[in-house]
Amino acid sequence: MAMNVEVAKCTKCGKLSYPTHFYCPSCHGTKFEPVPVGGEGRLLTWTRVYALPLDYAQLYVTLGIVELDMGVRATGRLEIAEPKTGARVRTHIGKVREINGKDITGLVFTAV
């Protein structure tokens, strides 16, 4: 099942926020319009998580925090064998996990 990941654009000041907030962190506005997450960004930090639930088939999951060129920071799964902090990455929506035979989708980052 495909998923759209969106940031919230404040209709008052234009500030983008992710995840969506009740109030704009910049002007405290309360009206937002959705903007699809996408494009490229820079890997700020990353980690490998080894303490996974028993139903994971892999030994670990690599996660990263990326500052997207669109001006927001987002966390997602890294599909990069040897991540390097500061590296350019590309964003897409992809499978991040499987639960009871169902694909769970979210943000996935790959090397540019």
N, C-alpha and C. Protein backbone atom coordinates (compact mmCIF):
# COMPACT_ATOMS: atom_id res chain seq x y z
N MET A 1 0.84 -1.18 0.00
CA MET A 1 0.00 0.00 0.00
C MET A 1 0.89 1.24 0.00
N ALA A 2 0.69 2.14 -0.94
CA ALA A 2 1.49 3.34 -1.03
C ALA A 2 1.06 4.36 0.00
N MET A 3 1.99 5.20 0.37
CA MET A 3 1.72 6.19 1.40
C MET A 3 2.27 7.53 0.93
N ASN A 4 1.57 8.60 1.21
CA ASN A 4 2.08 9.93 0.95
C ASN A 4 2.58 10.49 2.26
N VAL A 5 3.81 10.99 2.25
CA VAL A 5 4.35 11.66 3.42
C VAL A 5 4.35 13.14 3.09
N GLU A 6 3.78 13.92 3.97
CA GLU A 6 3.64 15.35 3.70
C GLU A 6 4.17 16.18 4.85
N VAL A 7 4.66 17.37 4.50
CA VAL A 7 4.99 18.38 5.49
C VAL A 7 3.82 19.37 5.51
N ALA A 8 3.76 20.15 6.57
CA ALA A 8 2.70 21.15 6.68
C ALA A 8 3.29 22.52 6.36
N LYS A 9 2.65 23.23 5.43
CA LYS A 9 3.07 24.58 5.08
C LYS A 9 2.07 25.55 5.69
N CYS A 10 2.56 26.42 6.56
CA CYS A 10 1.70 27.40 7.21
C CYS A 10 1.14 28.35 6.15
N THR A 11 -0.17 28.53 6.15
CA THR A 11 -0.78 29.42 5.16
C THR A 11 -0.58 30.88 5.50
N LYS A 12 -0.15 31.15 6.73
CA LYS A 12 0.07 32.53 7.16
C LYS A 12 1.49 33.03 6.82
N CYS A 13 2.52 32.22 7.14
CA CYS A 13 3.90 32.67 6.93
C CYS A 13 4.70 31.81 5.95
N GLY A 14 4.17 30.64 5.58
CA GLY A 14 4.86 29.78 4.62
C GLY A 14 5.88 28.84 5.21
N LYS A 15 6.07 28.85 6.53
CA LYS A 15 7.04 27.96 7.17
C LYS A 15 6.60 26.51 7.01
N LEU A 16 7.56 25.65 6.67
CA LEU A 16 7.31 24.22 6.57
C LEU A 16 7.64 23.56 7.90
N SER A 17 6.81 22.61 8.31
CA SER A 17 7.11 21.86 9.54
C SER A 17 6.80 20.38 9.32
N TYR A 18 7.64 19.55 9.93
CA TYR A 18 7.48 18.11 9.85
C TYR A 18 8.01 17.52 11.14
N PRO A 19 7.26 16.74 11.85
CA PRO A 19 5.87 16.43 11.54
C PRO A 19 4.98 17.65 11.75
N THR A 20 3.74 17.51 11.36
CA THR A 20 2.78 18.61 11.47
C THR A 20 2.57 18.99 12.93
N HIS A 21 2.53 20.28 13.19
CA HIS A 21 2.27 20.80 14.53
C HIS A 21 0.86 21.39 14.57
N PHE A 22 0.33 21.55 15.78
CA PHE A 22 -0.96 22.21 15.93
C PHE A 22 -0.83 23.70 15.64
N TYR A 23 0.28 24.29 16.11
CA TYR A 23 0.57 25.70 15.86
C TYR A 23 1.85 25.79 15.05
N CYS A 24 1.93 26.77 14.16
CA CYS A 24 3.15 27.01 13.40
C CYS A 24 4.26 27.41 14.37
N PRO A 25 5.43 26.77 14.29
CA PRO A 25 6.51 27.12 15.21
C PRO A 25 7.07 28.52 14.98
N SER A 26 6.74 29.12 13.85
CA SER A 26 7.25 30.44 13.52
C SER A 26 6.29 31.56 13.90
N CYS A 27 5.03 31.46 13.46
CA CYS A 27 4.09 32.57 13.65
C CYS A 27 2.87 32.19 14.50
N HIS A 28 2.78 30.94 14.93
CA HIS A 28 1.68 30.41 15.74
C HIS A 28 0.36 30.32 14.97
N GLY A 29 0.43 30.38 13.64
CA GLY A 29 -0.77 30.17 12.83
C GLY A 29 -1.30 28.76 13.01
N THR A 30 -2.55 28.55 12.67
CA THR A 30 -3.16 27.23 12.86
C THR A 30 -3.70 26.62 11.58
N LYS A 31 -3.47 27.25 10.44
CA LYS A 31 -3.93 26.70 9.17
C LYS A 31 -2.72 26.30 8.33
N PHE A 32 -2.81 25.08 7.79
CA PHE A 32 -1.70 24.51 7.03
C PHE A 32 -2.21 23.90 5.74
N GLU A 33 -1.32 23.83 4.76
CA GLU A 33 -1.63 23.08 3.54
C GLU A 33 -0.55 22.01 3.39
N PRO A 34 -0.94 20.84 2.87
CA PRO A 34 0.03 19.75 2.74
C PRO A 34 0.97 19.96 1.55
N VAL A 35 2.23 19.61 1.76
CA VAL A 35 3.24 19.66 0.70
C VAL A 35 3.94 18.30 0.73
N PRO A 36 4.04 17.59 -0.40
CA PRO A 36 4.70 16.29 -0.39
C PRO A 36 6.18 16.40 -0.01
N VAL A 37 6.64 15.45 0.81
CA VAL A 37 8.05 15.37 1.15
C VAL A 37 8.77 14.75 -0.03
N GLY A 38 9.93 15.27 -0.35
CA GLY A 38 10.69 14.68 -1.44
C GLY A 38 11.96 15.45 -1.72
N GLY A 39 12.64 15.02 -2.74
CA GLY A 39 13.85 15.69 -3.16
C GLY A 39 15.09 15.14 -2.46
N GLU A 40 16.08 16.00 -2.39
CA GLU A 40 17.37 15.61 -1.83
C GLU A 40 17.65 16.38 -0.56
N GLY A 41 18.69 15.93 0.14
CA GLY A 41 19.09 16.59 1.36
C GLY A 41 20.46 16.11 1.81
N ARG A 42 20.82 16.49 3.03
CA ARG A 42 22.13 16.16 3.59
C ARG A 42 21.93 15.34 4.86
N LEU A 43 22.66 14.23 4.95
CA LEU A 43 22.58 13.35 6.11
C LEU A 43 23.26 14.03 7.31
N LEU A 44 22.47 14.32 8.35
CA LEU A 44 23.01 14.99 9.54
C LEU A 44 23.63 14.00 10.52
N THR A 45 22.96 12.88 10.72
CA THR A 45 23.46 11.85 11.63
C THR A 45 22.77 10.53 11.31
N TRP A 46 23.34 9.45 11.78
CA TRP A 46 22.73 8.14 11.52
C TRP A 46 23.12 7.17 12.64
N THR A 47 22.38 6.07 12.71
CA THR A 47 22.65 5.03 13.69
C THR A 47 22.16 3.69 13.16
N ARG A 48 22.69 2.64 13.73
CA ARG A 48 22.19 1.29 13.44
C ARG A 48 21.51 0.77 14.69
N VAL A 49 20.29 0.30 14.52
CA VAL A 49 19.51 -0.23 15.64
C VAL A 49 19.57 -1.75 15.56
N TYR A 50 20.15 -2.36 16.59
CA TYR A 50 20.28 -3.81 16.65
C TYR A 50 19.22 -4.45 17.55
N ALA A 51 18.65 -3.71 18.47
CA ALA A 51 17.65 -4.25 19.40
C ALA A 51 16.27 -4.18 18.75
N LEU A 52 16.03 -5.10 17.82
CA LEU A 52 14.80 -5.10 17.04
C LEU A 52 13.83 -6.15 17.58
N PRO A 53 12.54 -5.97 17.32
CA PRO A 53 11.57 -7.01 17.70
C PRO A 53 11.90 -8.33 17.01
N LEU A 54 11.43 -9.41 17.56
CA LEU A 54 11.73 -10.74 17.05
C LEU A 54 11.26 -10.97 15.62
N ASP A 55 10.24 -10.24 15.16
CA ASP A 55 9.71 -10.50 13.82
C ASP A 55 10.52 -9.83 12.71
N TYR A 56 11.60 -9.14 13.03
CA TYR A 56 12.47 -8.57 11.99
C TYR A 56 13.35 -9.66 11.42
N ALA A 57 13.46 -9.70 10.09
CA ALA A 57 14.28 -10.71 9.44
C ALA A 57 15.75 -10.31 9.41
N GLN A 58 16.05 -9.02 9.47
CA GLN A 58 17.43 -8.56 9.38
C GLN A 58 18.04 -8.37 10.76
N LEU A 59 19.37 -8.30 10.79
CA LEU A 59 20.11 -8.15 12.03
C LEU A 59 19.96 -6.75 12.61
N TYR A 60 19.90 -5.73 11.74
CA TYR A 60 19.80 -4.35 12.20
C TYR A 60 19.07 -3.49 11.16
N VAL A 61 18.68 -2.29 11.58
CA VAL A 61 18.07 -1.30 10.71
C VAL A 61 18.93 -0.04 10.82
N THR A 62 19.22 0.58 9.69
CA THR A 62 20.00 1.81 9.68
C THR A 62 19.04 2.98 9.50
N LEU A 63 19.06 3.91 10.45
CA LEU A 63 18.19 5.08 10.43
C LEU A 63 19.03 6.35 10.33
N GLY A 64 18.47 7.37 9.70
CA GLY A 64 19.18 8.63 9.58
C GLY A 64 18.26 9.82 9.75
N ILE A 65 18.86 10.93 10.16
CA ILE A 65 18.16 12.21 10.19
C ILE A 65 18.75 13.05 9.06
N VAL A 66 17.86 13.54 8.19
CA VAL A 66 18.27 14.26 6.99
C VAL A 66 17.68 15.66 7.01
N GLU A 67 18.51 16.64 6.67
CA GLU A 67 18.01 17.99 6.46
C GLU A 67 17.73 18.12 4.97
N LEU A 68 16.45 18.16 4.63
CA LEU A 68 16.05 18.21 3.23
C LEU A 68 16.25 19.61 2.66
N ASP A 69 16.53 19.69 1.38
CA ASP A 69 16.71 20.98 0.71
C ASP A 69 15.46 21.84 0.82
N MET A 70 14.30 21.20 1.02
CA MET A 70 13.05 21.95 1.13
C MET A 70 12.92 22.66 2.48
N GLY A 71 13.88 22.41 3.41
CA GLY A 71 13.92 23.16 4.65
C GLY A 71 13.40 22.46 5.90
N VAL A 72 13.19 21.17 5.84
CA VAL A 72 12.74 20.43 7.02
C VAL A 72 13.71 19.28 7.31
N ARG A 73 13.69 18.82 8.54
CA ARG A 73 14.47 17.65 8.93
C ARG A 73 13.52 16.47 9.10
N ALA A 74 13.98 15.31 8.66
CA ALA A 74 13.13 14.12 8.74
C ALA A 74 13.97 12.90 9.07
N THR A 75 13.35 11.96 9.76
CA THR A 75 13.99 10.69 10.10
C THR A 75 13.44 9.62 9.17
N GLY A 76 14.32 8.74 8.72
CA GLY A 76 13.88 7.65 7.86
C GLY A 76 14.92 6.55 7.80
N ARG A 77 14.59 5.52 7.08
CA ARG A 77 15.47 4.37 6.91
C ARG A 77 16.52 4.69 5.85
N LEU A 78 17.77 4.34 6.13
CA LEU A 78 18.85 4.53 5.15
C LEU A 78 19.10 3.25 4.40
N GLU A 79 19.08 3.33 3.09
CA GLU A 79 19.46 2.20 2.24
C GLU A 79 20.83 2.51 1.65
N ILE A 80 21.79 2.67 2.55
CA ILE A 80 23.17 2.99 2.20
C ILE A 80 24.05 2.07 3.03
N ALA A 81 24.90 1.29 2.38
CA ALA A 81 25.72 0.30 3.08
C ALA A 81 26.65 0.94 4.11
N GLU A 82 27.35 1.99 3.73
CA GLU A 82 28.28 2.67 4.64
C GLU A 82 27.95 4.16 4.66
N PRO A 83 26.99 4.58 5.47
CA PRO A 83 26.59 5.99 5.51
C PRO A 83 27.74 6.89 5.98
N LYS A 84 27.76 8.10 5.45
CA LYS A 84 28.74 9.10 5.86
C LYS A 84 27.99 10.37 6.22
N THR A 85 28.20 10.88 7.43
CA THR A 85 27.58 12.13 7.85
C THR A 85 27.97 13.22 6.86
N GLY A 86 27.00 14.01 6.44
CA GLY A 86 27.23 15.08 5.47
C GLY A 86 26.98 14.67 4.03
N ALA A 87 26.78 13.39 3.78
CA ALA A 87 26.55 12.89 2.42
C ALA A 87 25.21 13.37 1.88
N ARG A 88 25.14 13.54 0.57
CA ARG A 88 23.89 13.89 -0.09
C ARG A 88 23.05 12.63 -0.25
N VAL A 89 21.76 12.76 0.02
CA VAL A 89 20.84 11.63 -0.10
C VAL A 89 19.59 12.07 -0.86
N ARG A 90 18.89 11.09 -1.39
CA ARG A 90 17.64 11.31 -2.11
C ARG A 90 16.52 10.64 -1.32
N THR A 91 15.36 11.26 -1.29
CA THR A 91 14.22 10.77 -0.52
C THR A 91 13.22 10.06 -1.43
N HIS A 92 12.70 8.95 -0.96
CA HIS A 92 11.54 8.34 -1.61
C HIS A 92 10.71 7.61 -0.55
N ILE A 93 9.52 7.23 -0.93
CA ILE A 93 8.64 6.47 -0.06
C ILE A 93 8.84 5.00 -0.40
N GLY A 94 9.11 4.20 0.61
CA GLY A 94 9.36 2.78 0.36
C GLY A 94 9.03 1.94 1.58
N LYS A 95 9.24 0.66 1.42
CA LYS A 95 8.96 -0.29 2.50
C LYS A 95 10.01 -0.12 3.60
N VAL A 96 9.54 0.08 4.82
CA VAL A 96 10.45 0.19 5.96
C VAL A 96 10.34 -1.01 6.89
N ARG A 97 9.27 -1.79 6.70
CA ARG A 97 9.04 -2.92 7.57
C ARG A 97 7.89 -3.76 7.04
N GLU A 98 7.78 -4.97 7.53
CA GLU A 98 6.64 -5.83 7.21
C GLU A 98 6.06 -6.34 8.52
N ILE A 99 4.74 -6.23 8.66
CA ILE A 99 4.06 -6.74 9.86
C ILE A 99 2.91 -7.62 9.41
N ASN A 100 2.93 -8.86 9.86
CA ASN A 100 1.88 -9.83 9.52
C ASN A 100 1.63 -9.89 8.02
N GLY A 101 2.70 -9.86 7.22
CA GLY A 101 2.58 -9.97 5.78
C GLY A 101 2.20 -8.67 5.08
N LYS A 102 2.04 -7.57 5.81
CA LYS A 102 1.69 -6.29 5.21
C LYS A 102 2.90 -5.36 5.22
N ASP A 103 3.15 -4.74 4.07
CA ASP A 103 4.25 -3.78 3.98
C ASP A 103 3.88 -2.49 4.68
N ILE A 104 4.81 -1.99 5.48
CA ILE A 104 4.67 -0.69 6.14
C ILE A 104 5.62 0.26 5.40
N THR A 105 5.09 1.36 4.91
CA THR A 105 5.91 2.28 4.12
C THR A 105 6.22 3.55 4.91
N GLY A 106 7.30 4.20 4.50
CA GLY A 106 7.72 5.43 5.14
C GLY A 106 8.86 6.05 4.35
N LEU A 107 9.55 6.99 4.95
CA LEU A 107 10.66 7.66 4.27
C LEU A 107 11.88 6.75 4.20
N VAL A 108 12.47 6.70 3.01
CA VAL A 108 13.68 5.92 2.78
C VAL A 108 14.66 6.84 2.07
N PHE A 109 15.92 6.80 2.51
CA PHE A 109 16.95 7.64 1.92
C PHE A 109 17.98 6.77 1.23
N THR A 110 18.36 7.17 0.01
CA THR A 110 19.41 6.48 -0.75
C THR A 110 20.48 7.49 -1.13
N ALA A 111 21.66 6.99 -1.46
CA ALA A 111 22.77 7.87 -1.85
C ALA A 111 22.46 8.54 -3.19
N VAL A 112 22.91 9.79 -3.33
CA VAL A 112 22.74 10.52 -4.60
C VAL A 112 23.79 10.04 -5.56
